[in-house]
Amino acid sequence: MLAPDGLPVVTATRYVTPLKEGGSLPGIVEASDDGTYVLKFRGAGQGLKVLVAEIVVAGLAALIEVPVPALAVVHLDARIAKYEADEEVQDLLTASVGTNLGVDFLPGSLGYDGSQPPTVDLAERIVWLDAVTANVDRTWSNPNLLVWRGRTWAIDHGAALYFHHSWPSRPPSPQRFAAQPFDASRHVLRRVGGDVSRRHTELAERLTPDAVSTVVESVPTEWLEPTADLPDAAAVRTAYREMLTARLASPAAWLPGAPS
């Protein structure tokens, strides 16, 4: 089944185990489509905005051919929480009853340690993607990359698009985000890739306004939180589109060049 917004919708049938290395305590679940997912919970720390960032950045990544695991909306039933013995996990499951984000589990994947680096081409795509979306969480302390079936996969994009965390207190400012610099010096792939600036025109051409709009439209409506300046989900979607298109149009402010 597909949600009206486009992502597949499945139901969690069994909670398997928590992934305790994650700050938001994601967990492994089995689902009604016989798939296994890493579940990102709506009831965790920073709430729904993290799930929105995951969907938007993964959608943009796919457009520029950065491998990302498939996503799904996963419905979590209250009965699953009832049988969880760990109180912390039980509280999280109870707070997350309803729709959550499922990230396809890649069995046998390994955390990135630099021993199997991606190609120069892919490294540049990933650095460029992180610069566009202001994703500061891809460093050696937290690479957020997996190696699976000989390829490097980008995961965990909840720290990107951080501008939306300020929306409850101030209106969106595409101009401010467009001018926000990006420090690529600590990026885990900075020295694998070359001069990222030479890739901008090629990659940005794939993120047309229509393409960005399609990605934003894939976010479930119920996850888009209105504010005083953004009165409904349509206004929130418009804000995401305007923020991203403004940044894509102003690369001089944030685009990394060659590593020094």
C-alpha atoms as a PDB file:
ATOM      1  CA  MET A   1       0.000   0.000   0.000  1.00  0.00           C
ATOM      2  CA  LEU A   2       1.138   3.561  -0.709  1.00  0.00           C
ATOM      3  CA  ALA A   3       0.447   6.589   1.446  1.00  0.00           C
ATOM      4  CA  PRO A   4      -1.276   9.489  -0.350  1.00  0.00           C
ATOM      5  CA  ASP A   5       2.120  11.191  -0.225  1.00  0.00           C
ATOM      6  CA  GLY A   6       3.884   8.341  -2.015  1.00  0.00           C
ATOM      7  CA  LEU A   7       5.891   6.252   0.476  1.00  0.00           C
ATOM      8  CA  PRO A   8       4.959   2.594   1.024  1.00  0.00           C
ATOM      9  CA  VAL A   9       2.924   1.967   4.189  1.00  0.00           C
ATOM     10  CA  VAL A  10       3.455  -1.199   6.236  1.00  0.00           C
ATOM     11  CA  THR A  11       2.615  -2.330   9.763  1.00  0.00           C
ATOM     12  CA  ALA A  12       5.196  -3.405  12.329  1.00  0.00           C
ATOM     13  CA  THR A  13       4.527  -7.010  13.325  1.00  0.00           C
ATOM     14  CA  ARG A  14       7.399  -7.562  15.762  1.00  0.00           C
ATOM     15  CA  TYR A  15       9.884  -5.385  17.608  1.00  0.00           C
ATOM     16  CA  VAL A  16      13.205  -7.224  17.399  1.00  0.00           C
ATOM     17  CA  THR A  17      15.915  -5.230  19.163  1.00  0.00           C
ATOM     18  CA  PRO A  18      17.077  -1.682  19.858  1.00  0.00           C
ATOM     19  CA  LEU A  19      20.132  -0.205  18.151  1.00  0.00           C
ATOM     20  CA  LYS A  20      21.647   1.286  21.255  1.00  0.00           C
ATOM     21  CA  GLU A  21      24.472   3.053  19.417  1.00  0.00           C
ATOM     22  CA  GLY A  22      21.957   5.546  18.063  1.00  0.00           C
ATOM     23  CA  GLY A  23      21.253   8.608  20.192  1.00  0.00           C
ATOM     24  CA  SER A  24      17.528   8.412  19.429  1.00  0.00           C
ATOM     25  CA  LEU A  25      17.407   4.657  20.160  1.00  0.00           C
ATOM     26  CA  PRO A  26      16.199   3.395  16.768  1.00  0.00           C
ATOM     27  CA  GLY A  27      15.133  -0.240  16.687  1.00  0.00           C
ATOM     28  CA  ILE A  28      14.868  -3.192  14.338  1.00  0.00           C
ATOM     29  CA  VAL A  29      11.327  -4.275  13.465  1.00  0.00           C
ATOM     30  CA  GLU A  30       9.754  -6.863  11.202  1.00  0.00           C
ATOM     31  CA  ALA A  31       6.814  -5.680   9.140  1.00  0.00           C
ATOM     32  CA  SER A  32       3.723  -6.852   7.309  1.00  0.00           C
ATOM     33  CA  ASP A  33       5.507  -6.859   3.929  1.00  0.00           C
ATOM     34  CA  ASP A  34       7.989  -9.460   5.290  1.00  0.00           C
ATOM     35  CA  GLY A  35      10.623  -6.743   5.326  1.00  0.00           C
ATOM     36  CA  THR A  36      12.960  -5.786   8.151  1.00  0.00           C
ATOM     37  CA  TYR A  37      13.412  -2.111   8.961  1.00  0.00           C
ATOM     38  CA  VAL A  38      15.431   0.177  11.154  1.00  0.00           C
ATOM     39  CA  LEU A  39      12.619   2.136  12.778  1.00  0.00           C
ATOM     40  CA  LYS A  40      13.075   5.855  13.455  1.00  0.00           C
ATOM     41  CA  PHE A  41      10.541   6.774  16.122  1.00  0.00           C
ATOM     42  CA  ARG A  42       8.238   9.781  16.133  1.00  0.00           C
ATOM     43  CA  GLY A  43       8.432   9.801  19.932  1.00  0.00           C
ATOM     44  CA  ALA A  44      12.232  10.124  20.089  1.00  0.00           C
ATOM     45  CA  GLY A  45      14.195  13.222  21.112  1.00  0.00           C
ATOM     46  CA  GLN A  46      13.690  15.821  18.389  1.00  0.00           C
ATOM     47  CA  GLY A  47      10.411  14.410  17.130  1.00  0.00           C
ATOM     48  CA  LEU A  48       8.871  14.547  13.701  1.00  0.00           C
ATOM     49  CA  LYS A  49      11.259  17.063  12.128  1.00  0.00           C
ATOM     50  CA  VAL A  50      14.023  14.479  12.197  1.00  0.00           C
ATOM     51  CA  LEU A  51      11.825  12.090  10.228  1.00  0.00           C
ATOM     52  CA  VAL A  52      11.047  14.840   7.716  1.00  0.00           C
ATOM     53  CA  ALA A  53      14.769  15.515   7.216  1.00  0.00           C
ATOM     54  CA  GLU A  54      15.403  11.811   6.680  1.00  0.00           C
ATOM     55  CA  ILE A  55      12.821  11.640   3.903  1.00  0.00           C
ATOM     56  CA  VAL A  56      13.816  14.857   2.153  1.00  0.00           C
ATOM     57  CA  VAL A  57      17.560  14.186   2.153  1.00  0.00           C
ATOM     58  CA  ALA A  58      17.116  10.555   1.076  1.00  0.00           C
ATOM     59  CA  GLY A  59      14.911  11.742  -1.770  1.00  0.00           C
ATOM     60  CA  LEU A  60      17.485  14.275  -2.924  1.00  0.00           C
ATOM     61  CA  ALA A  61      20.222  11.641  -2.589  1.00  0.00           C
ATOM     62  CA  ALA A  62      18.375   9.275  -4.891  1.00  0.00           C
ATOM     63  CA  LEU A  63      18.082  12.004  -7.527  1.00  0.00           C
ATOM     64  CA  ILE A  64      21.864  12.416  -7.646  1.00  0.00           C
ATOM     65  CA  GLU A  65      22.524   8.659  -7.473  1.00  0.00           C
ATOM     66  CA  VAL A  66      23.800   8.452  -3.918  1.00  0.00           C
ATOM     67  CA  PRO A  67      22.802   4.997  -2.613  1.00  0.00           C
ATOM     68  CA  VAL A  68      20.349   5.216   0.281  1.00  0.00           C
ATOM     69  CA  PRO A  69      18.192   2.462   1.811  1.00  0.00           C
ATOM     70  CA  ALA A  70      14.540   2.394   0.782  1.00  0.00           C
ATOM     71  CA  LEU A  71      12.086   4.117   3.126  1.00  0.00           C
ATOM     72  CA  ALA A  72       8.577   3.251   4.292  1.00  0.00           C
ATOM     73  CA  VAL A  73       5.963   4.589   6.655  1.00  0.00           C
ATOM     74  CA  VAL A  74       5.633   1.995   9.415  1.00  0.00           C
ATOM     75  CA  HIS A  75       2.528   1.882  11.583  1.00  0.00           C
ATOM     76  CA  LEU A  76       3.276   0.890  15.171  1.00  0.00           C
ATOM     77  CA  ASP A  77       0.477  -0.671  17.210  1.00  0.00           C
ATOM     78  CA  ALA A  78       0.186  -0.092  20.959  1.00  0.00           C
ATOM     79  CA  ARG A  79       0.131  -3.863  21.562  1.00  0.00           C
ATOM     80  CA  ILE A  80       3.800  -4.159  20.541  1.00  0.00           C
ATOM     81  CA  ALA A  81       4.864  -1.816  23.346  1.00  0.00           C
ATOM     82  CA  LYS A  82       2.957  -3.857  25.913  1.00  0.00           C
ATOM     83  CA  TYR A  83       5.250  -6.863  25.526  1.00  0.00           C
ATOM     84  CA  GLU A  84       8.573  -4.990  25.693  1.00  0.00           C
ATOM     85  CA  ALA A  85      10.471  -5.703  28.938  1.00  0.00           C
ATOM     86  CA  ASP A  86      12.937  -2.790  28.781  1.00  0.00           C
ATOM     87  CA  GLU A  87      11.195   0.205  30.367  1.00  0.00           C
ATOM     88  CA  GLU A  88      13.083   2.803  28.322  1.00  0.00           C
ATOM     89  CA  VAL A  89      12.203   1.054  25.071  1.00  0.00           C
ATOM     90  CA  GLN A  90       8.623   0.501  26.221  1.00  0.00           C
ATOM     91  CA  ASP A  91       8.239   4.229  26.916  1.00  0.00           C
ATOM     92  CA  LEU A  92       9.597   5.056  23.461  1.00  0.00           C
ATOM     93  CA  LEU A  93       7.291   2.560  21.758  1.00  0.00           C
ATOM     94  CA  THR A  94       4.288   3.898  23.659  1.00  0.00           C
ATOM     95  CA  ALA A  95       5.172   7.479  22.677  1.00  0.00           C
ATOM     96  CA  SER A  96       5.492   6.388  19.048  1.00  0.00           C
ATOM     97  CA  VAL A  97       2.202   4.595  18.497  1.00  0.00           C
ATOM     98  CA  GLY A  98       1.038   5.502  14.994  1.00  0.00           C
ATOM     99  CA  THR A  99       3.188   6.237  11.960  1.00  0.00           C
ATOM    100  CA  ASN A 100       6.975   6.138  12.095  1.00  0.00           C
ATOM    101  CA  LEU A 101       9.790   6.011   9.557  1.00  0.00           C
ATOM    102  CA  GLY A 102      11.193   2.678   8.452  1.00  0.00           C
ATOM    103  CA  VAL A 103      14.615   2.468   6.809  1.00  0.00           C
ATOM    104  CA  ASP A 104      15.293  -0.761   4.940  1.00  0.00           C
ATOM    105  CA  PHE A 105      17.656  -2.931   7.007  1.00  0.00           C
ATOM    106  CA  LEU A 106      20.787  -3.899   5.061  1.00  0.00           C
ATOM    107  CA  PRO A 107      21.798  -7.310   6.474  1.00  0.00           C
ATOM    108  CA  GLY A 108      25.532  -7.837   6.808  1.00  0.00           C
ATOM    109  CA  SER A 109      26.392  -4.202   6.169  1.00  0.00           C
ATOM    110  CA  LEU A 110      29.470  -2.749   7.861  1.00  0.00           C
ATOM    111  CA  GLY A 111      30.023   0.666   9.356  1.00  0.00           C
ATOM    112  CA  TYR A 112      32.344   2.820   7.279  1.00  0.00           C
ATOM    113  CA  ASP A 113      35.941   2.819   8.537  1.00  0.00           C
ATOM    114  CA  GLY A 114      37.818   4.047   5.477  1.00  0.00           C
ATOM    115  CA  SER A 115      39.160   0.627   4.484  1.00  0.00           C
ATOM    116  CA  GLN A 116      36.733   0.384   1.541  1.00  0.00           C
ATOM    117  CA  PRO A 117      36.342   3.973   0.342  1.00  0.00           C
ATOM    118  CA  PRO A 118      33.813   4.921  -2.318  1.00  0.00           C
ATOM    119  CA  THR A 119      34.850   6.100  -5.750  1.00  0.00           C
ATOM    120  CA  VAL A 120      35.918   9.712  -6.128  1.00  0.00           C
ATOM    121  CA  ASP A 121      32.695  10.342  -8.030  1.00  0.00           C
ATOM    122  CA  LEU A 122      30.458   9.020  -5.243  1.00  0.00           C
ATOM    123  CA  ALA A 123      32.477  10.744  -2.507  1.00  0.00           C
ATOM    124  CA  GLU A 124      31.966  14.084  -4.267  1.00  0.00           C
ATOM    125  CA  ARG A 125      28.245  13.453  -4.634  1.00  0.00           C
ATOM    126  CA  ILE A 126      27.902  12.735  -0.921  1.00  0.00           C
ATOM    127  CA  VAL A 127      29.924  15.790   0.146  1.00  0.00           C
ATOM    128  CA  TRP A 128      27.863  17.962  -2.220  1.00  0.00           C
ATOM    129  CA  LEU A 129      24.596  16.516  -0.881  1.00  0.00           C
ATOM    130  CA  ASP A 130      25.653  17.230   2.697  1.00  0.00           C
ATOM    131  CA  ALA A 131      26.663  20.774   1.785  1.00  0.00           C
ATOM    132  CA  VAL A 132      23.324  21.474   0.097  1.00  0.00           C
ATOM    133  CA  THR A 133      21.333  20.125   3.044  1.00  0.00           C
ATOM    134  CA  ALA A 134      23.672  21.485   5.745  1.00  0.00           C
ATOM    135  CA  ASN A 135      24.251  18.002   7.134  1.00  0.00           C
ATOM    136  CA  VAL A 136      26.979  18.365   9.750  1.00  0.00           C
ATOM    137  CA  ASP A 137      26.722  14.755  10.922  1.00  0.00           C
ATOM    138  CA  ARG A 138      29.070  12.891   8.585  1.00  0.00           C
ATOM    139  CA  THR A 139      32.435  13.065  10.352  1.00  0.00           C
ATOM    140  CA  TRP A 140      34.840  10.428  11.623  1.00  0.00           C
ATOM    141  CA  SER A 141      33.152  10.590  15.009  1.00  0.00           C
ATOM    142  CA  ASN A 142      29.883   9.602  13.316  1.00  0.00           C
ATOM    143  CA  PRO A 143      30.347   8.653   9.635  1.00  0.00           C
ATOM    144  CA  ASN A 144      26.707   7.694   8.960  1.00  0.00           C
ATOM    145  CA  LEU A 145      27.848   5.538   6.061  1.00  0.00           C
ATOM    146  CA  LEU A 146      27.521   1.804   5.523  1.00  0.00           C
ATOM    147  CA  VAL A 147      29.386  -0.529   3.193  1.00  0.00           C
ATOM    148  CA  TRP A 148      27.051  -3.124   1.731  1.00  0.00           C
ATOM    149  CA  ARG A 149      27.492  -5.323  -1.323  1.00  0.00           C
ATOM    150  CA  GLY A 150      30.595  -3.430  -2.345  1.00  0.00           C
ATOM    151  CA  ARG A 151      28.940   0.008  -2.305  1.00  0.00           C
ATOM    152  CA  THR A 152      28.908   2.917   0.120  1.00  0.00           C
ATOM    153  CA  TRP A 153      25.421   3.805   1.387  1.00  0.00           C
ATOM    154  CA  ALA A 154      24.458   7.082   3.040  1.00  0.00           C
ATOM    155  CA  ILE A 155      22.239   6.827   6.135  1.00  0.00           C
ATOM    156  CA  ASP A 156      20.957   8.855   9.098  1.00  0.00           C
ATOM    157  CA  HIS A 157      20.123  12.332   7.796  1.00  0.00           C
ATOM    158  CA  GLY A 158      18.111  13.571  10.750  1.00  0.00           C
ATOM    159  CA  ALA A 159      20.684  16.264  11.574  1.00  0.00           C
ATOM    160  CA  ALA A 160      20.322  17.905   8.153  1.00  0.00           C
ATOM    161  CA  LEU A 161      17.960  20.797   7.346  1.00  0.00           C
ATOM    162  CA  TYR A 162      18.462  22.069  10.877  1.00  0.00           C
ATOM    163  CA  PHE A 163      16.791  25.355   9.970  1.00  0.00           C
ATOM    164  CA  HIS A 164      13.357  23.836  10.614  1.00  0.00           C
ATOM    165  CA  HIS A 165      14.078  23.523  14.334  1.00  0.00           C
ATOM    166  CA  SER A 166      13.893  27.328  14.563  1.00  0.00           C
ATOM    167  CA  TRP A 167      10.495  27.617  12.883  1.00  0.00           C
ATOM    168  CA  PRO A 168       8.408  27.657  16.036  1.00  0.00           C
ATOM    169  CA  SER A 169      10.153  30.880  17.110  1.00  0.00           C
ATOM    170  CA  ARG A 170      10.960  32.643  13.826  1.00  0.00           C
ATOM    171  CA  PRO A 171       9.688  32.519  10.235  1.00  0.00           C
ATOM    172  CA  PRO A 172      11.548  30.621   7.520  1.00  0.00           C
ATOM    173  CA  SER A 173      14.237  32.630   5.738  1.00  0.00           C
ATOM    174  CA  PRO A 174      15.379  31.154   2.411  1.00  0.00           C
ATOM    175  CA  GLN A 175      17.931  33.960   2.094  1.00  0.00           C
ATOM    176  CA  ARG A 176      19.508  33.106   5.442  1.00  0.00           C
ATOM    177  CA  PHE A 177      19.780  29.414   4.576  1.00  0.00           C
ATOM    178  CA  ALA A 178      21.114  30.189   1.109  1.00  0.00           C
ATOM    179  CA  ALA A 179      23.946  32.196   2.657  1.00  0.00           C
ATOM    180  CA  GLN A 180      24.786  29.702   5.417  1.00  0.00           C
ATOM    181  CA  PRO A 181      28.356  28.424   4.904  1.00  0.00           C
ATOM    182  CA  PHE A 182      29.203  24.727   5.127  1.00  0.00           C
ATOM    183  CA  ASP A 183      32.427  23.571   6.784  1.00  0.00           C
ATOM    184  CA  ALA A 184      33.537  20.471   4.883  1.00  0.00           C
ATOM    185  CA  SER A 185      36.925  20.230   6.591  1.00  0.00           C
ATOM    186  CA  ARG A 186      35.804  17.477   8.994  1.00  0.00           C
ATOM    187  CA  HIS A 187      33.696  15.546   6.492  1.00  0.00           C
ATOM    188  CA  VAL A 188      34.589  11.857   6.507  1.00  0.00           C
ATOM    189  CA  LEU A 189      34.902  11.764   2.688  1.00  0.00           C
ATOM    190  CA  ARG A 190      36.537  15.145   2.185  1.00  0.00           C
ATOM    191  CA  ARG A 191      39.896  13.726   1.119  1.00  0.00           C
ATOM    192  CA  VAL A 192      38.431  10.905  -0.943  1.00  0.00           C
ATOM    193  CA  GLY A 193      36.735  13.331  -3.306  1.00  0.00           C
ATOM    194  CA  GLY A 194      38.333  16.145  -5.242  1.00  0.00           C
ATOM    195  CA  ASP A 195      37.077  19.608  -6.078  1.00  0.00           C
ATOM    196  CA  VAL A 196      33.365  19.419  -5.257  1.00  0.00           C
ATOM    197  CA  SER A 197      32.718  22.871  -6.723  1.00  0.00           C
ATOM    198  CA  ARG A 198      33.237  21.565 -10.248  1.00  0.00           C
ATOM    199  CA  ARG A 199      30.320  19.160  -9.734  1.00  0.00           C
ATOM    200  CA  HIS A 200      27.736  21.747  -8.747  1.00  0.00           C
ATOM    201  CA  THR A 201      26.183  22.535 -12.112  1.00  0.00           C
ATOM    202  CA  GLU A 202      25.901  18.871 -13.068  1.00  0.00           C
ATOM    203  CA  LEU A 203      24.309  17.794  -9.775  1.00  0.00           C
ATOM    204  CA  ALA A 204      22.141  20.856  -9.246  1.00  0.00           C
ATOM    205  CA  GLU A 205      20.563  20.322 -12.664  1.00  0.00           C
ATOM    206  CA  ARG A 206      19.039  17.121 -11.285  1.00  0.00           C
ATOM    207  CA  LEU A 207      17.384  18.978  -8.419  1.00  0.00           C
ATOM    208  CA  THR A 208      14.984  21.037 -10.480  1.00  0.00           C
ATOM    209  CA  PRO A 209      12.154  22.858  -8.701  1.00  0.00           C
ATOM    210  CA  ASP A 210       9.771  20.126  -9.844  1.00  0.00           C
ATOM    211  CA  ALA A 211      12.094  17.379  -8.575  1.00  0.00           C
ATOM    212  CA  VAL A 212      12.512  19.096  -5.207  1.00  0.00           C
ATOM    213  CA  SER A 213       8.747  19.556  -5.007  1.00  0.00           C
ATOM    214  CA  THR A 214       8.161  15.844  -5.649  1.00  0.00           C
ATOM    215  CA  VAL A 215      10.572  14.933  -2.853  1.00  0.00           C
ATOM    216  CA  VAL A 216       8.901  17.323  -0.411  1.00  0.00           C
ATOM    217  CA  GLU A 217       5.475  16.001  -1.401  1.00  0.00           C
ATOM    218  CA  SER A 218       6.571  12.507  -0.303  1.00  0.00           C
ATOM    219  CA  VAL A 219       6.623  13.593   3.366  1.00  0.00           C
ATOM    220  CA  PRO A 220       3.475  12.400   5.182  1.00  0.00           C
ATOM    221  CA  THR A 221       1.151  15.328   5.788  1.00  0.00           C
ATOM    222  CA  GLU A 222       0.707  14.484   9.473  1.00  0.00           C
ATOM    223  CA  TRP A 223       4.456  14.913  10.056  1.00  0.00           C
ATOM    224  CA  LEU A 224       4.460  18.537   8.871  1.00  0.00           C
ATOM    225  CA  GLU A 225       3.996  20.666  11.967  1.00  0.00           C
ATOM    226  CA  PRO A 226       2.315  24.062  11.463  1.00  0.00           C
ATOM    227  CA  THR A 227       3.566  27.170  13.231  1.00  0.00           C
ATOM    228  CA  ALA A 228       2.312  30.720  13.636  1.00  0.00           C
ATOM    229  CA  ASP A 229       4.024  31.594  10.335  1.00  0.00           C
ATOM    230  CA  LEU A 230       3.195  28.317   8.585  1.00  0.00           C
ATOM    231  CA  PRO A 231      -0.481  27.713   9.290  1.00  0.00           C
ATOM    232  CA  ASP A 232      -0.918  24.370   7.529  1.00  0.00           C
ATOM    233  CA  ALA A 233       0.946  21.487   5.893  1.00  0.00           C
ATOM    234  CA  ALA A 234       0.841  23.151   2.472  1.00  0.00           C
ATOM    235  CA  ALA A 235       2.648  26.184   3.867  1.00  0.00           C
ATOM    236  CA  VAL A 236       5.265  23.956   5.503  1.00  0.00           C
ATOM    237  CA  ARG A 237       5.885  22.137   2.224  1.00  0.00           C
ATOM    238  CA  THR A 238       6.271  25.475   0.450  1.00  0.00           C
ATOM    239  CA  ALA A 239       8.829  26.562   3.034  1.00  0.00           C
ATOM    240  CA  TYR A 240      10.971  23.453   2.483  1.00  0.00           C
ATOM    241  CA  ARG A 241      10.832  23.957  -1.292  1.00  0.00           C
ATOM    242  CA  GLU A 242      11.789  27.622  -1.034  1.00  0.00           C
ATOM    243  CA  MET A 243      14.647  26.967   1.397  1.00  0.00           C
ATOM    244  CA  LEU A 244      16.186  24.285  -0.822  1.00  0.00           C
ATOM    245  CA  THR A 245      15.734  26.089  -4.139  1.00  0.00           C
ATOM    246  CA  ALA A 246      17.232  29.268  -2.696  1.00  0.00           C
ATOM    247  CA  ARG A 247      20.294  27.369  -1.497  1.00  0.00           C
ATOM    248  CA  LEU A 248      20.742  25.576  -4.806  1.00  0.00           C
ATOM    249  CA  ALA A 249      20.697  28.945  -6.554  1.00  0.00           C
ATOM    250  CA  SER A 250      23.419  30.455  -4.317  1.00  0.00           C
ATOM    251  CA  PRO A 251      26.350  27.993  -4.279  1.00  0.00           C
ATOM    252  CA  ALA A 252      29.046  30.611  -3.723  1.00  0.00           C
ATOM    253  CA  ALA A 253      28.132  30.853  -0.049  1.00  0.00           C
ATOM    254  CA  TRP A 254      28.345  27.156   0.864  1.00  0.00           C
ATOM    255  CA  LEU A 255      29.938  25.092  -1.902  1.00  0.00           C
ATOM    256  CA  PRO A 256      33.194  23.341  -0.896  1.00  0.00           C
ATOM    257  CA  GLY A 257      36.136  23.616  -3.258  1.00  0.00           C
ATOM    258  CA  ALA A 258      39.177  21.407  -3.462  1.00  0.00           C
ATOM    259  CA  PRO A 259      40.467  19.960  -0.157  1.00  0.00           C
ATOM    260  CA  SER A 260      43.454  21.869   1.163  1.00  0.00           C
END
